[in-house]
Amino acid sequence: MEKTLENFDISLINFKKETGNGNKIHLKQRNKRNQNIAKKEKKKAKKEKKMEQKRKIKERRREFEREQEKKKMKNRIRTKGNSLRNNHPHFKFVKSQQNLKEKKQTEERSEARDERKRDLL
């Protein structure tokens, strides 16, 4: 019985091969359909990739804006505190002393530079 089934299967395959064009047409249609499906999948993948890139860019931009806001808030708080502190008479005096020291240092440096130039000439 198994032999007859095998023979039957083989004969069926041979029959399909002999009919020829019928199968080829179906194969062409199937191939075309598969190609179209593949194209659509590629398009979808490309579109999805683009959308993902856009999302990433937007997220980075949002993150950057958040960081900027945080910095602004810190600066506001810092400047507020500094302005209050700087207006106090003691701190004004200290700051003026620092400025005087810096002026003296810059003058000394410029004098030393001038002396070096004179020595070279």
PDB file of N, CA and C in Angstrom:
ATOM      1  N   MET A   1       0.831  -1.200   0.000  1.00  0.00           N
ATOM      2  CA  MET A   1       0.000   0.000   0.000  1.00  0.00           C
ATOM      3  C   MET A   1       0.872   1.258   0.000  1.00  0.00           C
ATOM      4  N   GLU A   2       1.984   1.225   0.764  1.00  0.00           N
ATOM      5  CA  GLU A   2       2.878   2.374   0.812  1.00  0.00           C
ATOM      6  C   GLU A   2       3.472   2.649  -0.560  1.00  0.00           C
ATOM      7  N   LYS A   3       3.778   1.609  -1.262  1.00  0.00           N
ATOM      8  CA  LYS A   3       4.364   1.787  -2.586  1.00  0.00           C
ATOM      9  C   LYS A   3       3.400   2.509  -3.518  1.00  0.00           C
ATOM     10  N   THR A   4       2.141   2.149  -3.432  1.00  0.00           N
ATOM     11  CA  THR A   4       1.166   2.791  -4.314  1.00  0.00           C
ATOM     12  C   THR A   4       1.029   4.270  -3.973  1.00  0.00           C
ATOM     13  N   LEU A   5       1.088   4.616  -2.669  1.00  0.00           N
ATOM     14  CA  LEU A   5       1.011   6.020  -2.270  1.00  0.00           C
ATOM     15  C   LEU A   5       2.221   6.798  -2.795  1.00  0.00           C
ATOM     16  N   GLU A   6       3.395   6.183  -2.675  1.00  0.00           N
ATOM     17  CA  GLU A   6       4.595   6.856  -3.182  1.00  0.00           C
ATOM     18  C   GLU A   6       4.491   7.053  -4.690  1.00  0.00           C
ATOM     19  N   ASN A   7       4.030   6.013  -5.363  1.00  0.00           N
ATOM     20  CA  ASN A   7       3.859   6.125  -6.812  1.00  0.00           C
ATOM     21  C   ASN A   7       2.859   7.207  -7.151  1.00  0.00           C
ATOM     22  N   PHE A   8       1.787   7.259  -6.372  1.00  0.00           N
ATOM     23  CA  PHE A   8       0.744   8.252  -6.601  1.00  0.00           C
ATOM     24  C   PHE A   8       1.307   9.664  -6.439  1.00  0.00           C
ATOM     25  N   ASP A   9       2.097   9.871  -5.346  1.00  0.00           N
ATOM     26  CA  ASP A   9       2.701  11.178  -5.103  1.00  0.00           C
ATOM     27  C   ASP A   9       3.636  11.570  -6.248  1.00  0.00           C
ATOM     28  N   ILE A  10       4.443  10.646  -6.669  1.00  0.00           N
ATOM     29  CA  ILE A  10       5.384  10.909  -7.757  1.00  0.00           C
ATOM     30  C   ILE A  10       4.638  11.237  -9.045  1.00  0.00           C
ATOM     31  N   SER A  11       3.582  10.464  -9.306  1.00  0.00           N
ATOM     32  CA  SER A  11       2.818  10.712 -10.522  1.00  0.00           C
ATOM     33  C   SER A  11       2.143  12.081 -10.467  1.00  0.00           C
ATOM     34  N   LEU A  12       1.671  12.458  -9.272  1.00  0.00           N
ATOM     35  CA  LEU A  12       1.056  13.778  -9.097  1.00  0.00           C
ATOM     36  C   LEU A  12       2.078  14.885  -9.363  1.00  0.00           C
ATOM     37  N   ILE A  13       3.282  14.721  -8.834  1.00  0.00           N
ATOM     38  CA  ILE A  13       4.355  15.693  -9.059  1.00  0.00           C
ATOM     39  C   ILE A  13       4.673  15.774 -10.544  1.00  0.00           C
ATOM     40  N   ASN A  14       4.780  14.598 -11.182  1.00  0.00           N
ATOM     41  CA  ASN A  14       5.067  14.590 -12.616  1.00  0.00           C
ATOM     42  C   ASN A  14       3.969  15.296 -13.396  1.00  0.00           C
ATOM     43  N   PHE A  15       2.740  15.082 -12.990  1.00  0.00           N
ATOM     44  CA  PHE A  15       1.595  15.707 -13.660  1.00  0.00           C
ATOM     45  C   PHE A  15       1.694  17.226 -13.544  1.00  0.00           C
ATOM     46  N   LYS A  16       2.031  17.692 -12.348  1.00  0.00           N
ATOM     47  CA  LYS A  16       2.161  19.138 -12.150  1.00  0.00           C
ATOM     48  C   LYS A  16       3.280  19.703 -13.008  1.00  0.00           C
ATOM     49  N   LYS A  17       4.371  18.940 -13.111  1.00  0.00           N
ATOM     50  CA  LYS A  17       5.495  19.406 -13.922  1.00  0.00           C
ATOM     51  C   LYS A  17       5.098  19.482 -15.395  1.00  0.00           C
ATOM     52  N   GLU A  18       4.332  18.529 -15.808  1.00  0.00           N
ATOM     53  CA  GLU A  18       3.946  18.481 -17.214  1.00  0.00           C
ATOM     54  C   GLU A  18       2.976  19.599 -17.577  1.00  0.00           C
ATOM     55  N   THR A  19       2.079  19.925 -16.651  1.00  0.00           N
ATOM     56  CA  THR A  19       1.093  20.967 -16.966  1.00  0.00           C
ATOM     57  C   THR A  19       1.782  22.313 -17.174  1.00  0.00           C
ATOM     58  N   GLY A  20       2.905  22.520 -16.504  1.00  0.00           N
ATOM     59  CA  GLY A  20       3.776  23.651 -16.808  1.00  0.00           C
ATOM     60  C   GLY A  20       3.225  25.020 -16.485  1.00  0.00           C
ATOM     61  N   ASN A  21       2.656  25.692 -17.476  1.00  0.00           N
ATOM     62  CA  ASN A  21       2.323  27.107 -17.367  1.00  0.00           C
ATOM     63  C   ASN A  21       1.419  27.440 -16.184  1.00  0.00           C
ATOM     64  N   GLY A  22       0.506  26.576 -15.883  1.00  0.00           N
ATOM     65  CA  GLY A  22      -0.421  26.834 -14.777  1.00  0.00           C
ATOM     66  C   GLY A  22       0.338  27.120 -13.497  1.00  0.00           C
ATOM     67  N   ASN A  23       1.291  26.269 -13.194  1.00  0.00           N
ATOM     68  CA  ASN A  23       2.099  26.462 -11.990  1.00  0.00           C
ATOM     69  C   ASN A  23       2.959  27.712 -12.078  1.00  0.00           C
ATOM     70  N   LYS A  24       3.528  27.936 -13.242  1.00  0.00           N
ATOM     71  CA  LYS A  24       4.396  29.093 -13.408  1.00  0.00           C
ATOM     72  C   LYS A  24       3.637  30.387 -13.163  1.00  0.00           C
ATOM     73  N   ILE A  25       2.426  30.460 -13.659  1.00  0.00           N
ATOM     74  CA  ILE A  25       1.601  31.654 -13.460  1.00  0.00           C
ATOM     75  C   ILE A  25       1.368  31.875 -11.969  1.00  0.00           C
ATOM     76  N   HIS A  26       1.003  30.802 -11.281  1.00  0.00           N
ATOM     77  CA  HIS A  26       0.764  30.921  -9.841  1.00  0.00           C
ATOM     78  C   HIS A  26       2.040  31.356  -9.124  1.00  0.00           C
ATOM     79  N   LEU A  27       3.166  30.790  -9.534  1.00  0.00           N
ATOM     80  CA  LEU A  27       4.443  31.152  -8.917  1.00  0.00           C
ATOM     81  C   LEU A  27       4.783  32.619  -9.162  1.00  0.00           C
ATOM     82  N   LYS A  28       4.527  33.065 -10.421  1.00  0.00           N
ATOM     83  CA  LYS A  28       4.802  34.471 -10.742  1.00  0.00           C
ATOM     84  C   LYS A  28       3.954  35.397  -9.876  1.00  0.00           C
ATOM     85  N   GLN A  29       2.656  35.047  -9.754  1.00  0.00           N
ATOM     86  CA  GLN A  29       1.764  35.870  -8.935  1.00  0.00           C
ATOM     87  C   GLN A  29       2.226  35.892  -7.484  1.00  0.00           C
ATOM     88  N   ARG A  30       2.589  34.703  -6.994  1.00  0.00           N
ATOM     89  CA  ARG A  30       3.039  34.602  -5.605  1.00  0.00           C
ATOM     90  C   ARG A  30       4.319  35.410  -5.402  1.00  0.00           C
ATOM     91  N   ASN A  31       5.246  35.291  -6.356  1.00  0.00           N
ATOM     92  CA  ASN A  31       6.504  36.045  -6.250  1.00  0.00           C
ATOM     93  C   ASN A  31       6.246  37.547  -6.259  1.00  0.00           C
ATOM     94  N   LYS A  32       5.362  37.950  -7.172  1.00  0.00           N
ATOM     95  CA  LYS A  32       5.024  39.379  -7.274  1.00  0.00           C
ATOM     96  C   LYS A  32       4.429  39.870  -5.953  1.00  0.00           C
ATOM     97  N   ARG A  33       3.502  39.087  -5.428  1.00  0.00           N
ATOM     98  CA  ARG A  33       2.846  39.439  -4.167  1.00  0.00           C
ATOM     99  C   ARG A  33       3.892  39.540  -3.054  1.00  0.00           C
ATOM    100  N   ASN A  34       4.781  38.541  -3.000  1.00  0.00           N
ATOM    101  CA  ASN A  34       5.829  38.562  -1.974  1.00  0.00           C
ATOM    102  C   ASN A  34       6.754  39.768  -2.127  1.00  0.00           C
ATOM    103  N   GLN A  35       7.062  40.114  -3.369  1.00  0.00           N
ATOM    104  CA  GLN A  35       7.909  41.287  -3.619  1.00  0.00           C
ATOM    105  C   GLN A  35       7.219  42.554  -3.138  1.00  0.00           C
ATOM    106  N   ASN A  36       5.928  42.671  -3.445  1.00  0.00           N
ATOM    107  CA  ASN A  36       5.181  43.851  -3.009  1.00  0.00           C
ATOM    108  C   ASN A  36       5.143  43.941  -1.488  1.00  0.00           C
ATOM    109  N   ILE A  37       4.917  42.781  -0.851  1.00  0.00           N
ATOM    110  CA  ILE A  37       4.884  42.750   0.609  1.00  0.00           C
ATOM    111  C   ILE A  37       6.246  43.168   1.167  1.00  0.00           C
ATOM    112  N   ALA A  38       7.321  42.661   0.549  1.00  0.00           N
ATOM    113  CA  ALA A  38       8.679  43.006   0.988  1.00  0.00           C
ATOM    114  C   ALA A  38       8.925  44.512   0.849  1.00  0.00           C
ATOM    115  N   LYS A  39       8.469  45.091  -0.296  1.00  0.00           N
ATOM    116  CA  LYS A  39       8.628  46.529  -0.502  1.00  0.00           C
ATOM    117  C   LYS A  39       7.915  47.322   0.591  1.00  0.00           C
ATOM    118  N   LYS A  40       6.670  46.900   0.871  1.00  0.00           N
ATOM    119  CA  LYS A  40       5.895  47.595   1.897  1.00  0.00           C
ATOM    120  C   LYS A  40       6.583  47.494   3.256  1.00  0.00           C
ATOM    121  N   GLU A  41       7.113  46.321   3.563  1.00  0.00           N
ATOM    122  CA  GLU A  41       7.824  46.137   4.833  1.00  0.00           C
ATOM    123  C   GLU A  41       9.043  47.058   4.910  1.00  0.00           C
ATOM    124  N   LYS A  42       9.788  47.156   3.798  1.00  0.00           N
ATOM    125  CA  LYS A  42      10.955  48.033   3.769  1.00  0.00           C
ATOM    126  C   LYS A  42      10.552  49.480   4.017  1.00  0.00           C
ATOM    127  N   LYS A  43       9.461  49.888   3.318  1.00  0.00           N
ATOM    128  CA  LYS A  43       8.975  51.261   3.481  1.00  0.00           C
ATOM    129  C   LYS A  43       8.604  51.524   4.931  1.00  0.00           C
ATOM    130  N   LYS A  44       7.854  50.559   5.518  1.00  0.00           N
ATOM    131  CA  LYS A  44       7.442  50.706   6.913  1.00  0.00           C
ATOM    132  C   LYS A  44       8.651  50.822   7.828  1.00  0.00           C
ATOM    133  N   ALA A  45       9.648  49.971   7.599  1.00  0.00           N
ATOM    134  CA  ALA A  45      10.848  49.975   8.432  1.00  0.00           C
ATOM    135  C   ALA A  45      11.579  51.317   8.317  1.00  0.00           C
ATOM    136  N   LYS A  46      11.664  51.814   7.068  1.00  0.00           N
ATOM    137  CA  LYS A  46      12.339  53.091   6.829  1.00  0.00           C
ATOM    138  C   LYS A  46      11.606  54.225   7.539  1.00  0.00           C
ATOM    139  N   LYS A  47      10.278  54.212   7.407  1.00  0.00           N
ATOM    140  CA  LYS A  47       9.453  55.234   8.039  1.00  0.00           C
ATOM    141  C   LYS A  47       9.602  55.179   9.555  1.00  0.00           C
ATOM    142  N   GLU A  48       9.572  53.975  10.092  1.00  0.00           N
ATOM    143  CA  GLU A  48       9.696  53.781  11.539  1.00  0.00           C
ATOM    144  C   GLU A  48      11.057  54.279  12.031  1.00  0.00           C
ATOM    145  N   LYS A  49      12.095  53.996  11.256  1.00  0.00           N
ATOM    146  CA  LYS A  49      13.439  54.442  11.613  1.00  0.00           C
ATOM    147  C   LYS A  49      13.499  55.967  11.662  1.00  0.00           C
ATOM    148  N   LYS A  50      12.891  56.595  10.642  1.00  0.00           N
ATOM    149  CA  LYS A  50      12.859  58.055  10.579  1.00  0.00           C
ATOM    150  C   LYS A  50      12.131  58.629  11.792  1.00  0.00           C
ATOM    151  N   MET A  51      10.981  58.031  12.104  1.00  0.00           N
ATOM    152  CA  MET A  51      10.192  58.502  13.243  1.00  0.00           C
ATOM    153  C   MET A  51      10.983  58.347  14.544  1.00  0.00           C
ATOM    154  N   GLU A  52      11.698  57.252  14.668  1.00  0.00           N
ATOM    155  CA  GLU A  52      12.509  57.001  15.863  1.00  0.00           C
ATOM    156  C   GLU A  52      13.603  58.060  15.999  1.00  0.00           C
ATOM    157  N   GLN A  53      14.230  58.404  14.868  1.00  0.00           N
ATOM    158  CA  GLN A  53      15.257  59.446  14.892  1.00  0.00           C
ATOM    159  C   GLN A  53      14.657  60.786  15.323  1.00  0.00           C
ATOM    160  N   LYS A  54      13.470  61.084  14.777  1.00  0.00           N
ATOM    161  CA  LYS A  54      12.800  62.332  15.148  1.00  0.00           C
ATOM    162  C   LYS A  54      12.494  62.352  16.639  1.00  0.00           C
ATOM    163  N   ARG A  55      12.016  61.216  17.162  1.00  0.00           N
ATOM    164  CA  ARG A  55      11.715  61.127  18.596  1.00  0.00           C
ATOM    165  C   ARG A  55      12.966  61.367  19.431  1.00  0.00           C
ATOM    166  N   LYS A  56      14.077  60.760  19.001  1.00  0.00           N
ATOM    167  CA  LYS A  56      15.326  60.925  19.735  1.00  0.00           C
ATOM    168  C   LYS A  56      15.758  62.381  19.741  1.00  0.00           C
ATOM    169  N   ILE A  57      15.654  63.022  18.572  1.00  0.00           N
ATOM    170  CA  ILE A  57      16.049  64.427  18.468  1.00  0.00           C
ATOM    171  C   ILE A  57      15.175  65.289  19.373  1.00  0.00           C
ATOM    172  N   LYS A  58      13.871  65.043  19.347  1.00  0.00           N
ATOM    173  CA  LYS A  58      12.965  65.811  20.200  1.00  0.00           C
ATOM    174  C   LYS A  58      13.304  65.602  21.671  1.00  0.00           C
ATOM    175  N   GLU A  59      13.594  64.364  22.033  1.00  0.00           N
ATOM    176  CA  GLU A  59      13.913  64.044  23.428  1.00  0.00           C
ATOM    177  C   GLU A  59      15.196  64.763  23.855  1.00  0.00           C
ATOM    178  N   ARG A  60      16.201  64.744  22.964  1.00  0.00           N
ATOM    179  CA  ARG A  60      17.456  65.443  23.276  1.00  0.00           C
ATOM    180  C   ARG A  60      17.207  66.932  23.456  1.00  0.00           C
ATOM    181  N   ARG A  61      16.380  67.485  22.562  1.00  0.00           N
ATOM    182  CA  ARG A  61      16.076  68.915  22.639  1.00  0.00           C
ATOM    183  C   ARG A  61      15.381  69.243  23.960  1.00  0.00           C
ATOM    184  N   ARG A  62      14.406  68.402  24.328  1.00  0.00           N
ATOM    185  CA  ARG A  62      13.701  68.614  25.601  1.00  0.00           C
ATOM    186  C   ARG A  62      14.662  68.540  26.779  1.00  0.00           C
ATOM    187  N   GLU A  63      15.538  67.527  26.732  1.00  0.00           N
ATOM    188  CA  GLU A  63      16.522  67.343  27.804  1.00  0.00           C
ATOM    189  C   GLU A  63      17.426  68.569  27.913  1.00  0.00           C
ATOM    190  N   PHE A  64      17.876  69.057  26.761  1.00  0.00           N
ATOM    191  CA  PHE A  64      18.736  70.241  26.742  1.00  0.00           C
ATOM    192  C   PHE A  64      18.007  71.449  27.337  1.00  0.00           C
ATOM    193  N   GLU A  65      16.734  71.632  26.946  1.00  0.00           N
ATOM    194  CA  GLU A  65      15.949  72.753  27.463  1.00  0.00           C
ATOM    195  C   GLU A  65      15.772  72.642  28.970  1.00  0.00           C
ATOM    196  N   ARG A  66      15.536  71.421  29.472  1.00  0.00           N
ATOM    197  CA  ARG A  66      15.409  71.217  30.923  1.00  0.00           C
ATOM    198  C   ARG A  66      16.694  71.627  31.638  1.00  0.00           C
ATOM    199  N   GLU A  67      17.819  71.197  31.071  1.00  0.00           N
ATOM    200  CA  GLU A  67      19.109  71.537  31.672  1.00  0.00           C
ATOM    201  C   GLU A  67      19.305  73.052  31.699  1.00  0.00           C
ATOM    202  N   GLN A  68      18.941  73.711  30.594  1.00  0.00           N
ATOM    203  CA  GLN A  68      19.086  75.163  30.522  1.00  0.00           C
ATOM    204  C   GLN A  68      18.221  75.838  31.584  1.00  0.00           C
ATOM    205  N   GLU A  69      16.991  75.344  31.745  1.00  0.00           N
ATOM    206  CA  GLU A  69      16.093  75.913  32.758  1.00  0.00           C
ATOM    207  C   GLU A  69      16.691  75.759  34.154  1.00  0.00           C
ATOM    208  N   LYS A  70      17.246  74.572  34.428  1.00  0.00           N
ATOM    209  CA  LYS A  70      17.868  74.332  35.736  1.00  0.00           C
ATOM    210  C   LYS A  70      19.012  75.315  35.966  1.00  0.00           C
ATOM    211  N   LYS A  71      19.864  75.498  34.934  1.00  0.00           N
ATOM    212  CA  LYS A  71      20.984  76.421  35.059  1.00  0.00           C
ATOM    213  C   LYS A  71      20.491  77.841  35.322  1.00  0.00           C
ATOM    214  N   LYS A  72      19.439  78.240  34.580  1.00  0.00           N
ATOM    215  CA  LYS A  72      18.897  79.590  34.765  1.00  0.00           C
ATOM    216  C   LYS A  72      18.409  79.780  36.196  1.00  0.00           C
ATOM    217  N   MET A  73      17.684  78.767  36.697  1.00  0.00           N
ATOM    218  CA  MET A  73      17.154  78.869  38.055  1.00  0.00           C
ATOM    219  C   MET A  73      18.300  78.971  39.070  1.00  0.00           C
ATOM    220  N   LYS A  74      19.336  78.144  38.886  1.00  0.00           N
ATOM    221  CA  LYS A  74      20.486  78.198  39.800  1.00  0.00           C
ATOM    222  C   LYS A  74      21.136  79.567  39.751  1.00  0.00           C
ATOM    223  N   ASN A  75      21.307  80.094  38.532  1.00  0.00           N
ATOM    224  CA  ASN A  75      21.935  81.406  38.382  1.00  0.00           C
ATOM    225  C   ASN A  75      21.100  82.496  39.030  1.00  0.00           C
ATOM    226  N   ARG A  76      19.797  82.406  38.872  1.00  0.00           N
ATOM    227  CA  ARG A  76      18.914  83.406  39.488  1.00  0.00           C
ATOM    228  C   ARG A  76      19.091  83.406  40.992  1.00  0.00           C
ATOM    229  N   ILE A  77      19.055  82.204  41.571  1.00  0.00           N
ATOM    230  CA  ILE A  77      19.189  82.084  43.022  1.00  0.00           C
ATOM    231  C   ILE A  77      20.555  82.607  43.458  1.00  0.00           C
ATOM    232  N   ARG A  78      21.608  82.212  42.728  1.00  0.00           N
ATOM    233  CA  ARG A  78      22.965  82.607  43.083  1.00  0.00           C
ATOM    234  C   ARG A  78      23.129  84.124  42.990  1.00  0.00           C
ATOM    235  N   THR A  79      22.619  84.722  41.895  1.00  0.00           N
ATOM    236  CA  THR A  79      22.797  86.164  41.716  1.00  0.00           C
ATOM    237  C   THR A  79      21.998  86.927  42.756  1.00  0.00           C
ATOM    238  N   LYS A  80      20.838  86.395  43.093  1.00  0.00           N
ATOM    239  CA  LYS A  80      20.028  87.058  44.109  1.00  0.00           C
ATOM    240  C   LYS A  80      20.804  87.109  45.421  1.00  0.00           C
ATOM    241  N   GLY A  81      21.351  85.966  45.819  1.00  0.00           N
ATOM    242  CA  GLY A  81      22.116  85.894  47.064  1.00  0.00           C
ATOM    243  C   GLY A  81      23.346  86.774  47.001  1.00  0.00           C
ATOM    244  N   ASN A  82      24.047  86.737  45.877  1.00  0.00           N
ATOM    245  CA  ASN A  82      25.259  87.533  45.737  1.00  0.00           C
ATOM    246  C   ASN A  82      24.958  89.015  45.789  1.00  0.00           C
ATOM    247  N   SER A  83      23.870  89.420  45.142  1.00  0.00           N
ATOM    248  CA  SER A  83      23.559  90.850  45.117  1.00  0.00           C
ATOM    249  C   SER A  83      23.256  91.338  46.525  1.00  0.00           C
ATOM    250  N   LEU A  84      22.559  90.519  47.302  1.00  0.00           N
ATOM    251  CA  LEU A  84      22.270  90.912  48.684  1.00  0.00           C
ATOM    252  C   LEU A  84      23.567  91.006  49.480  1.00  0.00           C
ATOM    253  N   ARG A  85      24.439  90.025  49.282  1.00  0.00           N
ATOM    254  CA  ARG A  85      25.698  89.980  50.021  1.00  0.00           C
ATOM    255  C   ARG A  85      26.609  91.134  49.575  1.00  0.00           C
ATOM    256  N   ASN A  86      26.660  91.389  48.258  1.00  0.00           N
ATOM    257  CA  ASN A  86      27.571  92.414  47.738  1.00  0.00           C
ATOM    258  C   ASN A  86      27.165  93.818  48.169  1.00  0.00           C
ATOM    259  N   ASN A  87      25.907  94.019  48.453  1.00  0.00           N
ATOM    260  CA  ASN A  87      25.446  95.346  48.859  1.00  0.00           C
ATOM    261  C   ASN A  87      25.768  95.657  50.318  1.00  0.00           C
ATOM    262  N   HIS A  88      26.135  94.644  51.064  1.00  0.00           N
ATOM    263  CA  HIS A  88      26.484  94.857  52.467  1.00  0.00           C
ATOM    264  C   HIS A  88      27.814  95.620  52.535  1.00  0.00           C
ATOM    265  N   PRO A  89      27.921  96.618  53.418  1.00  0.00           N
ATOM    266  CA  PRO A  89      29.127  97.466  53.456  1.00  0.00           C
ATOM    267  C   PRO A  89      30.429  96.682  53.675  1.00  0.00           C
ATOM    268  N   HIS A  90      30.386  95.666  54.528  1.00  0.00           N
ATOM    269  CA  HIS A  90      31.607  94.899  54.796  1.00  0.00           C
ATOM    270  C   HIS A  90      32.122  94.230  53.527  1.00  0.00           C
ATOM    271  N   PHE A  91      31.208  93.610  52.791  1.00  0.00           N
ATOM    272  CA  PHE A  91      31.620  92.910  51.574  1.00  0.00           C
ATOM    273  C   PHE A  91      32.096  93.883  50.507  1.00  0.00           C
ATOM    274  N   LYS A  92      31.482  95.079  50.488  1.00  0.00           N
ATOM    275  CA  LYS A  92      31.952  96.101  49.547  1.00  0.00           C
ATOM    276  C   LYS A  92      33.409  96.455  49.853  1.00  0.00           C
ATOM    277  N   PHE A  93      33.716  96.584  51.150  1.00  0.00           N
ATOM    278  CA  PHE A  93      35.082  96.918  51.569  1.00  0.00           C
ATOM    279  C   PHE A  93      36.054  95.806  51.156  1.00  0.00           C
ATOM    280  N   VAL A  94      35.653  94.558  51.427  1.00  0.00           N
ATOM    281  CA  VAL A  94      36.506  93.415  51.087  1.00  0.00           C
ATOM    282  C   VAL A  94      36.763  93.384  49.590  1.00  0.00           C
ATOM    283  N   LYS A  95      35.706  93.594  48.815  1.00  0.00           N
ATOM    284  CA  LYS A  95      35.844  93.561  47.366  1.00  0.00           C
ATOM    285  C   LYS A  95      36.781  94.663  46.878  1.00  0.00           C
ATOM    286  N   SER A  96      36.654  95.853  47.455  1.00  0.00           N
ATOM    287  CA  SER A  96      37.524  96.958  47.040  1.00  0.00           C
ATOM    288  C   SER A  96      38.979  96.635  47.378  1.00  0.00           C
ATOM    289  N   GLN A  97      39.210  95.989  48.529  1.00  0.00           N
ATOM    290  CA  GLN A  97      40.577  95.589  48.914  1.00  0.00           C
ATOM    291  C   GLN A  97      41.141  94.590  47.889  1.00  0.00           C
ATOM    292  N   GLN A  98      40.286  93.645  47.484  1.00  0.00           N
ATOM    293  CA  GLN A  98      40.730  92.655  46.491  1.00  0.00           C
ATOM    294  C   GLN A  98      41.082  93.331  45.179  1.00  0.00           C
ATOM    295  N   ASN A  99      40.258  94.281  44.776  1.00  0.00           N
ATOM    296  CA  ASN A  99      40.518  95.006  43.532  1.00  0.00           C
ATOM    297  C   ASN A  99      41.847  95.759  43.605  1.00  0.00           C
ATOM    298  N   LEU A 100      42.113  96.375  44.766  1.00  0.00           N
ATOM    299  CA  LEU A 100      43.379  97.082  44.931  1.00  0.00           C
ATOM    300  C   LEU A 100      44.567  96.135  44.815  1.00  0.00           C
ATOM    301  N   LYS A 101      44.463  94.961  45.449  1.00  0.00           N
ATOM    302  CA  LYS A 101      45.539  93.963  45.366  1.00  0.00           C
ATOM    303  C   LYS A 101      45.785  93.556  43.924  1.00  0.00           C
ATOM    304  N   GLU A 102      44.686  93.294  43.195  1.00  0.00           N
ATOM    305  CA  GLU A 102      44.812  92.876  41.793  1.00  0.00           C
ATOM    306  C   GLU A 102      45.469  93.971  40.953  1.00  0.00           C
ATOM    307  N   LYS A 103      45.108  95.232  41.204  1.00  0.00           N
ATOM    308  CA  LYS A 103      45.701  96.345  40.458  1.00  0.00           C
ATOM    309  C   LYS A 103      47.195  96.413  40.720  1.00  0.00           C
ATOM    310  N   LYS A 104      47.579  96.262  42.008  1.00  0.00           N
ATOM    311  CA  LYS A 104      49.003  96.295  42.358  1.00  0.00           C
ATOM    312  C   LYS A 104      49.752  95.177  41.642  1.00  0.00           C
ATOM    313  N   GLN A 105      49.173  93.976  41.652  1.00  0.00           N
ATOM    314  CA  GLN A 105      49.828  92.832  41.012  1.00  0.00           C
ATOM    315  C   GLN A 105      50.008  93.075  39.516  1.00  0.00           C
ATOM    316  N   THR A 106      48.960  93.583  38.862  1.00  0.00           N
ATOM    317  CA  THR A 106      49.061  93.824  37.414  1.00  0.00           C
ATOM    318  C   THR A 106      50.108  94.894  37.124  1.00  0.00           C
ATOM    319  N   GLU A 107      50.181  95.933  37.983  1.00  0.00           N
ATOM    320  CA  GLU A 107      51.196  96.982  37.794  1.00  0.00           C
ATOM    321  C   GLU A 107      52.598  96.403  37.937  1.00  0.00           C
ATOM    322  N   GLU A 108      52.782  95.567  38.968  1.00  0.00           N
ATOM    323  CA  GLU A 108      54.098  94.953  39.181  1.00  0.00           C
ATOM    324  C   GLU A 108      54.487  94.083  37.988  1.00  0.00           C
ATOM    325  N   ARG A 109      53.545  93.332  37.504  1.00  0.00           N
ATOM    326  CA  ARG A 109      53.822  92.478  36.338  1.00  0.00           C
ATOM    327  C   ARG A 109      54.207  93.299  35.126  1.00  0.00           C
ATOM    328  N   SER A 110      53.469  94.386  34.878  1.00  0.00           N
ATOM    329  CA  SER A 110      53.757  95.215  33.709  1.00  0.00           C
ATOM    330  C   SER A 110      55.127  95.873  33.851  1.00  0.00           C
ATOM    331  N   GLU A 111      55.478  96.315  35.093  1.00  0.00           N
ATOM    332  CA  GLU A 111      56.798  96.900  35.319  1.00  0.00           C
ATOM    333  C   GLU A 111      57.893  95.871  35.065  1.00  0.00           C
ATOM    334  N   ALA A 112      57.688  94.663  35.565  1.00  0.00           N
ATOM    335  CA  ALA A 112      58.679  93.595  35.369  1.00  0.00           C
ATOM    336  C   ALA A 112      58.833  93.297  33.878  1.00  0.00           C
ATOM    337  N   ARG A 113      57.746  93.279  33.153  1.00  0.00           N
ATOM    338  CA  ARG A 113      57.778  93.021  31.715  1.00  0.00           C
ATOM    339  C   ARG A 113      58.566  94.125  31.001  1.00  0.00           C
ATOM    340  N   ASP A 114      58.284  95.379  31.400  1.00  0.00           N
ATOM    341  CA  ASP A 114      58.994  96.509  30.796  1.00  0.00           C
ATOM    342  C   ASP A 114      60.504  96.419  31.058  1.00  0.00           C
ATOM    343  N   GLU A 115      60.859  96.034  32.289  1.00  0.00           N
ATOM    344  CA  GLU A 115      62.276  95.914  32.640  1.00  0.00           C
ATOM    345  C   GLU A 115      62.949  94.836  31.796  1.00  0.00           C
ATOM    346  N   ARG A 116      62.276  93.704  31.623  1.00  0.00           N
ATOM    347  CA  ARG A 116      62.828  92.623  30.804  1.00  0.00           C
ATOM    348  C   ARG A 116      63.052  93.094  29.367  1.00  0.00           C
ATOM    349  N   LYS A 117      62.090  93.856  28.840  1.00  0.00           N
ATOM    350  CA  LYS A 117      62.226  94.373  27.474  1.00  0.00           C
ATOM    351  C   LYS A 117      63.431  95.307  27.369  1.00  0.00           C
ATOM    352  N   ARG A 118      63.613  96.173  28.379  1.00  0.00           N
ATOM    353  CA  ARG A 118      64.737  97.111  28.384  1.00  0.00           C
ATOM    354  C   ARG A 118      66.067  96.353  28.425  1.00  0.00           C
ATOM    355  N   ASP A 119      66.084  95.289  29.254  1.00  0.00           N
ATOM    356  CA  ASP A 119      67.309  94.496  29.367  1.00  0.00           C
ATOM    357  C   ASP A 119      67.657  93.826  28.043  1.00  0.00           C
ATOM    358  N   LEU A 120      66.643  93.359  27.352  1.00  0.00           N
ATOM    359  CA  LEU A 120      66.873  92.698  26.066  1.00  0.00           C
ATOM    360  C   LEU A 120      67.394  93.657  25.018  1.00  0.00           C
ATOM    361  N   LEU A 121      66.919  94.914  25.080  1.00  0.00           N
ATOM    362  CA  LEU A 121      67.353  95.911  24.092  1.00  0.00           C
ATOM    363  C   LEU A 121      68.714  96.411  24.472  1.00  0.00           C
TER     364      LEU A 121
END
